[in-house]
């Protein structure tokens, strides 16, 4: 039982739970930003990869047509 003056958590005691809470909030914000940018973890989870491939195929086809016309 605490018999001293004041509460035992006065002083430096509350700083650790506050630091932990701030750390948790920062981590949650970072994870939310990471997944809202559709990058996923380690670059996985891109949803527009198919569109990138379709664009590349269109560019290659136009280059092939240009080469055929040049011959």
PDB file of N, CA and C in Angstrom:
ATOM      1  N   UNK A   1       0.836  -1.168   0.000  1.00  0.00           N
ATOM      2  CA  UNK A   1       0.000   0.000   0.000  1.00  0.00           C
ATOM      3  C   UNK A   1       0.889   1.242   0.000  1.00  0.00           C
ATOM      4  N   UNK A   2       0.440   2.292  -0.656  1.00  0.00           N
ATOM      5  CA  UNK A   2       1.221   3.516  -0.788  1.00  0.00           C
ATOM      6  C   UNK A   2       0.895   4.468   0.354  1.00  0.00           C
ATOM      7  N   UNK A   3       1.915   4.839   1.145  1.00  0.00           N
ATOM      8  CA  UNK A   3       1.701   5.714   2.282  1.00  0.00           C
ATOM      9  C   UNK A   3       2.381   7.070   2.113  1.00  0.00           C
ATOM     10  N   UNK A   4       3.031   7.277   0.955  1.00  0.00           N
ATOM     11  CA  UNK A   4       3.740   8.530   0.736  1.00  0.00           C
ATOM     12  C   UNK A   4       2.792   9.659   0.354  1.00  0.00           C
ATOM     13  N   UNK A   5       3.407  10.803   0.100  1.00  0.00           N
ATOM     14  CA  UNK A   5       2.626  11.982  -0.285  1.00  0.00           C
ATOM     15  C   UNK A   5       2.287  11.890  -1.764  1.00  0.00           C
ATOM     16  N   UNK A   6       1.050  12.028  -2.108  1.00  0.00           N
ATOM     17  CA  UNK A   6       0.619  11.997  -3.497  1.00  0.00           C
ATOM     18  C   UNK A   6       0.448  10.590  -4.034  1.00  0.00           C
ATOM     19  N   UNK A   7       0.105  10.528  -5.262  1.00  0.00           N
ATOM     20  CA  UNK A   7      -0.130   9.253  -5.931  1.00  0.00           C
ATOM     21  C   UNK A   7       1.204   8.671  -6.403  1.00  0.00           C
ATOM     22  N   UNK A   8       1.376   7.350  -6.394  1.00  0.00           N
ATOM     23  CA  UNK A   8       2.662   6.780  -6.810  1.00  0.00           C
ATOM     24  C   UNK A   8       2.945   6.972  -8.304  1.00  0.00           C
ATOM     25  N   UNK A   9       1.952   7.264  -9.104  1.00  0.00           N
ATOM     26  CA  UNK A   9       2.167   7.443 -10.535  1.00  0.00           C
ATOM     27  C   UNK A   9       2.507   8.882 -10.888  1.00  0.00           C
ATOM     28  N   UNK A  10       2.544   9.778  -9.954  1.00  0.00           N
ATOM     29  CA  UNK A  10       2.940  11.153 -10.248  1.00  0.00           C
ATOM     30  C   UNK A  10       4.426  11.169 -10.546  1.00  0.00           C
ATOM     31  N   UNK A  11       4.830  11.987 -11.440  1.00  0.00           N
ATOM     32  CA  UNK A  11       6.238  12.048 -11.822  1.00  0.00           C
ATOM     33  C   UNK A  11       6.439  11.447 -13.198  1.00  0.00           C
ATOM     34  N   UNK A  12       7.401  10.543 -13.352  1.00  0.00           N
ATOM     35  CA  UNK A  12       7.732   9.961 -14.649  1.00  0.00           C
ATOM     36  C   UNK A  12       6.906   8.728 -14.981  1.00  0.00           C
ATOM     37  N   UNK A  13       6.097   8.280 -14.077  1.00  0.00           N
ATOM     38  CA  UNK A  13       5.331   7.053 -14.302  1.00  0.00           C
ATOM     39  C   UNK A  13       4.376   7.102 -15.477  1.00  0.00           C
ATOM     40  N   UNK A  14       3.590   8.153 -15.661  1.00  0.00           N
ATOM     41  CA  UNK A  14       2.610   8.157 -16.759  1.00  0.00           C
ATOM     42  C   UNK A  14       3.228   8.349 -18.139  1.00  0.00           C
ATOM     43  N   UNK A  15       4.508   8.680 -18.211  1.00  0.00           N
ATOM     44  CA  UNK A  15       5.098   8.960 -19.518  1.00  0.00           C
ATOM     45  C   UNK A  15       5.176   7.696 -20.379  1.00  0.00           C
ATOM     46  N   UNK A  16       5.383   6.533 -19.790  1.00  0.00           N
ATOM     47  CA  UNK A  16       5.520   5.304 -20.575  1.00  0.00           C
ATOM     48  C   UNK A  16       4.208   4.861 -21.222  1.00  0.00           C
ATOM     49  N   UNK A  17       3.083   4.887 -20.511  1.00  0.00           N
ATOM     50  CA  UNK A  17       1.831   4.573 -21.209  1.00  0.00           C
ATOM     51  C   UNK A  17       1.493   5.594 -22.294  1.00  0.00           C
ATOM     52  N   UNK A  18       1.826   6.853 -22.071  1.00  0.00           N
ATOM     53  CA  UNK A  18       1.557   7.877 -23.077  1.00  0.00           C
ATOM     54  C   UNK A  18       2.435   7.642 -24.301  1.00  0.00           C
ATOM     55  N   UNK A  19       3.705   7.328 -24.092  1.00  0.00           N
ATOM     56  CA  UNK A  19       4.597   7.033 -25.218  1.00  0.00           C
ATOM     57  C   UNK A  19       4.117   5.800 -25.984  1.00  0.00           C
ATOM     58  N   UNK A  20       3.651   4.796 -25.273  1.00  0.00           N
ATOM     59  CA  UNK A  20       3.124   3.600 -25.925  1.00  0.00           C
ATOM     60  C   UNK A  20       1.885   3.906 -26.749  1.00  0.00           C
ATOM     61  N   UNK A  21       1.019   4.755 -26.211  1.00  0.00           N
ATOM     62  CA  UNK A  21      -0.200   5.136 -26.926  1.00  0.00           C
ATOM     63  C   UNK A  21       0.157   5.919 -28.188  1.00  0.00           C
ATOM     64  N   UNK A  22       1.096   6.844 -28.090  1.00  0.00           N
ATOM     65  CA  UNK A  22       1.519   7.615 -29.254  1.00  0.00           C
ATOM     66  C   UNK A  22       2.145   6.693 -30.303  1.00  0.00           C
ATOM     67  N   UNK A  23       2.965   5.740 -29.864  1.00  0.00           N
ATOM     68  CA  UNK A  23       3.580   4.785 -30.788  1.00  0.00           C
ATOM     69  C   UNK A  23       2.514   3.974 -31.520  1.00  0.00           C
ATOM     70  N   UNK A  24       1.495   3.527 -30.792  1.00  0.00           N
ATOM     71  CA  UNK A  24       0.422   2.748 -31.421  1.00  0.00           C
ATOM     72  C   UNK A  24      -0.329   3.586 -32.444  1.00  0.00           C
ATOM     73  N   UNK A  25      -0.627   4.837 -32.125  1.00  0.00           N
ATOM     74  CA  UNK A  25      -1.339   5.714 -33.050  1.00  0.00           C
ATOM     75  C   UNK A  25      -0.497   5.938 -34.315  1.00  0.00           C
ATOM     76  N   UNK A  26       0.806   6.178 -34.140  1.00  0.00           N
ATOM     77  CA  UNK A  26       1.682   6.383 -35.295  1.00  0.00           C
ATOM     78  C   UNK A  26       1.712   5.136 -36.170  1.00  0.00           C
ATOM     79  N   UNK A  27       1.799   3.961 -35.571  1.00  0.00           N
ATOM     80  CA  UNK A  27       1.833   2.726 -36.352  1.00  0.00           C
ATOM     81  C   UNK A  27       0.521   2.504 -37.101  1.00  0.00           C
ATOM     82  N   UNK A  28      -0.596   2.788 -36.468  1.00  0.00           N
ATOM     83  CA  UNK A  28      -1.900   2.629 -37.126  1.00  0.00           C
ATOM     84  C   UNK A  28      -2.002   3.577 -38.314  1.00  0.00           C
ATOM     85  N   UNK A  29      -1.559   4.814 -38.149  1.00  0.00           N
ATOM     86  CA  UNK A  29      -1.605   5.782 -39.249  1.00  0.00           C
ATOM     87  C   UNK A  29      -0.704   5.332 -40.398  1.00  0.00           C
ATOM     88  N   UNK A  30       0.484   4.821 -40.080  1.00  0.00           N
ATOM     89  CA  UNK A  30       1.390   4.364 -41.133  1.00  0.00           C
ATOM     90  C   UNK A  30       0.803   3.182 -41.904  1.00  0.00           C
ATOM     91  N   UNK A  31       0.207   2.241 -41.196  1.00  0.00           N
ATOM     92  CA  UNK A  31      -0.399   1.087 -41.874  1.00  0.00           C
ATOM     93  C   UNK A  31      -1.578   1.537 -42.726  1.00  0.00           C
ATOM     94  N   UNK A  32      -2.396   2.453 -42.216  1.00  0.00           N
ATOM     95  CA  UNK A  32      -3.538   2.945 -42.983  1.00  0.00           C
ATOM     96  C   UNK A  32      -3.068   3.641 -44.256  1.00  0.00           C
ATOM     97  N   UNK A  33      -2.026   4.467 -44.158  1.00  0.00           N
ATOM     98  CA  UNK A  33      -1.515   5.162 -45.341  1.00  0.00           C
ATOM     99  C   UNK A  33      -0.920   4.175 -46.335  1.00  0.00           C
ATOM    100  N   UNK A  34      -0.238   3.148 -45.826  1.00  0.00           N
ATOM    101  CA  UNK A  34       0.395   2.178 -46.710  1.00  0.00           C
ATOM    102  C   UNK A  34      -0.665   1.439 -47.531  1.00  0.00           C
ATOM    103  N   UNK A  35      -1.751   1.023 -46.895  1.00  0.00           N
ATOM    104  CA  UNK A  35      -2.761   0.263 -47.611  1.00  0.00           C
ATOM    105  C   UNK A  35      -3.716   1.152 -48.385  1.00  0.00           C
ATOM    106  N   UNK A  36      -3.848   2.426 -48.014  1.00  0.00           N
ATOM    107  CA  UNK A  36      -4.729   3.301 -48.780  1.00  0.00           C
ATOM    108  C   UNK A  36      -4.083   3.721 -50.087  1.00  0.00           C
ATOM    109  N   UNK A  37      -2.747   3.667 -50.174  1.00  0.00           N
ATOM    110  CA  UNK A  37      -2.059   3.971 -51.419  1.00  0.00           C
ATOM    111  C   UNK A  37      -2.016   2.778 -52.346  1.00  0.00           C
ATOM    112  N   UNK A  38      -2.653   1.699 -51.994  1.00  0.00           N
ATOM    113  CA  UNK A  38      -2.742   0.477 -52.776  1.00  0.00           C
ATOM    114  C   UNK A  38      -1.379  -0.114 -53.089  1.00  0.00           C
ATOM    115  N   UNK A  39      -0.419   0.093 -52.204  1.00  0.00           N
ATOM    116  CA  UNK A  39       0.897  -0.498 -52.442  1.00  0.00           C
ATOM    117  C   UNK A  39       1.044  -1.823 -51.705  1.00  0.00           C
ATOM    118  N   UNK A  40       0.245  -2.038 -50.678  1.00  0.00           N
ATOM    119  CA  UNK A  40       0.344  -3.282 -49.937  1.00  0.00           C
ATOM    120  C   UNK A  40       1.641  -3.373 -49.175  1.00  0.00           C
ATOM    121  N   UNK A  41       2.024  -4.569 -48.831  1.00  0.00           N
ATOM    122  CA  UNK A  41       3.273  -4.759 -48.104  1.00  0.00           C
ATOM    123  C   UNK A  41       4.353  -5.156 -49.085  1.00  0.00           C
ATOM    124  N   UNK A  42       5.481  -4.518 -49.025  1.00  0.00           N
ATOM    125  CA  UNK A  42       6.643  -4.798 -49.879  1.00  0.00           C
ATOM    126  C   UNK A  42       6.294  -4.646 -51.355  1.00  0.00           C
ATOM    127  N   UNK A  43       5.371  -3.769 -51.680  1.00  0.00           N
ATOM    128  CA  UNK A  43       5.025  -3.522 -53.072  1.00  0.00           C
ATOM    129  C   UNK A  43       3.977  -4.459 -53.627  1.00  0.00           C
ATOM    130  N   UNK A  44       3.536  -5.445 -52.872  1.00  0.00           N
ATOM    131  CA  UNK A  44       2.502  -6.348 -53.358  1.00  0.00           C
ATOM    132  C   UNK A  44       1.147  -5.674 -53.257  1.00  0.00           C
ATOM    133  N   UNK A  45       0.209  -6.164 -54.019  1.00  0.00           N
ATOM    134  CA  UNK A  45      -1.154  -5.667 -53.911  1.00  0.00           C
ATOM    135  C   UNK A  45      -1.473  -4.526 -54.852  1.00  0.00           C
ATOM    136  N   UNK A  46      -0.644  -4.297 -55.886  1.00  0.00           N
ATOM    137  CA  UNK A  46      -0.986  -3.245 -56.837  1.00  0.00           C
ATOM    138  C   UNK A  46      -2.169  -3.715 -57.657  1.00  0.00           C
ATOM    139  N   UNK A  47      -3.216  -2.890 -57.715  1.00  0.00           N
ATOM    140  CA  UNK A  47      -4.409  -3.276 -58.452  1.00  0.00           C
ATOM    141  C   UNK A  47      -4.356  -2.823 -59.898  1.00  0.00           C
ATOM    142  N   UNK A  48      -3.467  -1.911 -60.233  1.00  0.00           N
ATOM    143  CA  UNK A  48      -3.407  -1.406 -61.595  1.00  0.00           C
ATOM    144  C   UNK A  48      -2.291  -2.057 -62.409  1.00  0.00           C
ATOM    145  N   UNK A  49      -1.791  -3.187 -61.974  1.00  0.00           N
ATOM    146  CA  UNK A  49      -0.734  -3.873 -62.704  1.00  0.00           C
ATOM    147  C   UNK A  49      -1.239  -4.367 -64.055  1.00  0.00           C
ATOM    148  N   UNK A  50      -2.492  -4.807 -64.123  1.00  0.00           N
ATOM    149  CA  UNK A  50      -3.068  -5.274 -65.373  1.00  0.00           C
ATOM    150  C   UNK A  50      -3.160  -4.110 -66.355  1.00  0.00           C
ATOM    151  N   UNK A  51      -3.546  -2.944 -65.860  1.00  0.00           N
ATOM    152  CA  UNK A  51      -3.636  -1.773 -66.731  1.00  0.00           C
ATOM    153  C   UNK A  51      -2.255  -1.389 -67.265  1.00  0.00           C
ATOM    154  N   UNK A  52      -1.239  -1.503 -66.439  1.00  0.00           N
ATOM    155  CA  UNK A  52       0.124  -1.216 -66.894  1.00  0.00           C
ATOM    156  C   UNK A  52       0.531  -2.170 -68.013  1.00  0.00           C
ATOM    157  N   UNK A  53       0.201  -3.444 -67.852  1.00  0.00           N
ATOM    158  CA  UNK A  53       0.548  -4.434 -68.879  1.00  0.00           C
ATOM    159  C   UNK A  53      -0.219  -4.172 -70.175  1.00  0.00           C
ATOM    160  N   UNK A  54      -1.500  -3.817 -70.070  1.00  0.00           N
ATOM    161  CA  UNK A  54      -2.286  -3.515 -71.273  1.00  0.00           C
ATOM    162  C   UNK A  54      -1.716  -2.302 -71.999  1.00  0.00           C
ATOM    163  N   UNK A  55      -1.301  -1.297 -71.248  1.00  0.00           N
ATOM    164  CA  UNK A  55      -0.699  -0.108 -71.849  1.00  0.00           C
ATOM    165  C   UNK A  55       0.597  -0.466 -72.569  1.00  0.00           C
ATOM    166  N   UNK A  56       1.398  -1.318 -71.952  1.00  0.00           N
ATOM    167  CA  UNK A  56       2.659  -1.733 -72.560  1.00  0.00           C
ATOM    168  C   UNK A  56       2.416  -2.520 -73.846  1.00  0.00           C
ATOM    169  N   UNK A  57       1.397  -3.378 -73.853  1.00  0.00           N
ATOM    170  CA  UNK A  57       1.073  -4.155 -75.058  1.00  0.00           C
ATOM    171  C   UNK A  57       0.628  -3.219 -76.173  1.00  0.00           C
ATOM    172  N   UNK A  58      -0.198  -2.207 -75.828  1.00  0.00           N
ATOM    173  CA  UNK A  58      -0.635  -1.243 -76.849  1.00  0.00           C
ATOM    174  C   UNK A  58       0.558  -0.496 -77.445  1.00  0.00           C
ATOM    175  N   UNK A  59       1.501  -0.106 -76.593  1.00  0.00           N
ATOM    176  CA  UNK A  59       2.688   0.599 -77.091  1.00  0.00           C
ATOM    177  C   UNK A  59       3.525  -0.296 -77.997  1.00  0.00           C
ATOM    178  N   UNK A  60       3.679  -1.550 -77.609  1.00  0.00           N
ATOM    179  CA  UNK A  60       4.448  -2.471 -78.455  1.00  0.00           C
ATOM    180  C   UNK A  60       3.766  -2.711 -79.796  1.00  0.00           C
ATOM    181  N   UNK A  61       2.443  -2.817 -79.780  1.00  0.00           N
ATOM    182  CA  UNK A  61       1.722  -3.009 -81.048  1.00  0.00           C
ATOM    183  C   UNK A  61       1.870  -1.794 -81.952  1.00  0.00           C
ATOM    184  N   UNK A  62       1.835  -0.607 -81.369  1.00  0.00           N
ATOM    185  CA  UNK A  62       2.008   0.591 -82.198  1.00  0.00           C
ATOM    186  C   UNK A  62       3.429   0.654 -82.763  1.00  0.00           C
ATOM    187  N   UNK A  63       4.420   0.216 -82.010  1.00  0.00           N
ATOM    188  CA  UNK A  63       5.791   0.181 -82.519  1.00  0.00           C
ATOM    189  C   UNK A  63       5.921  -0.837 -83.655  1.00  0.00           C
ATOM    190  N   UNK A  64       5.250  -1.980 -83.517  1.00  0.00           N
ATOM    191  CA  UNK A  64       5.282  -3.000 -84.575  1.00  0.00           C
ATOM    192  C   UNK A  64       4.656  -2.451 -85.845  1.00  0.00           C
ATOM    193  N   UNK A  65       3.530  -1.757 -85.712  1.00  0.00           N
ATOM    194  CA  UNK A  65       2.873  -1.166 -86.879  1.00  0.00           C
ATOM    195  C   UNK A  65       3.764  -0.127 -87.541  1.00  0.00           C
ATOM    196  N   UNK A  66       4.454   0.674 -86.734  1.00  0.00           N
ATOM    197  CA  UNK A  66       5.354   1.682 -87.287  1.00  0.00           C
ATOM    198  C   UNK A  66       6.509   1.025 -88.034  1.00  0.00           C
ATOM    199  N   UNK A  67       7.027  -0.076 -87.495  1.00  0.00           N
ATOM    200  CA  UNK A  67       8.111  -0.787 -88.194  1.00  0.00           C
ATOM    201  C   UNK A  67       7.626  -1.434 -89.487  1.00  0.00           C
ATOM    202  N   UNK A  68       6.394  -1.939 -89.507  1.00  0.00           N
ATOM    203  CA  UNK A  68       5.861  -2.536 -90.727  1.00  0.00           C
ATOM    204  C   UNK A  68       5.665  -1.487 -91.808  1.00  0.00           C
ATOM    205  N   UNK A  69       5.217  -0.308 -91.417  1.00  0.00           N
ATOM    206  CA  UNK A  69       5.035   0.772 -92.387  1.00  0.00           C
ATOM    207  C   UNK A  69       6.354   1.296 -92.921  1.00  0.00           C
ATOM    208  N   UNK A  70       7.401   1.201 -92.116  1.00  0.00           N
ATOM    209  CA  UNK A  70       8.706   1.699 -92.533  1.00  0.00           C
ATOM    210  C   UNK A  70       9.356   0.793 -93.576  1.00  0.00           C
ATOM    211  N   UNK A  71       8.971  -0.471 -93.623  1.00  0.00           N
ATOM    212  CA  UNK A  71       9.572  -1.416 -94.589  1.00  0.00           C
ATOM    213  C   UNK A  71       9.044  -1.239 -95.960  1.00  0.00           C
TER     214      UNK A  71
END
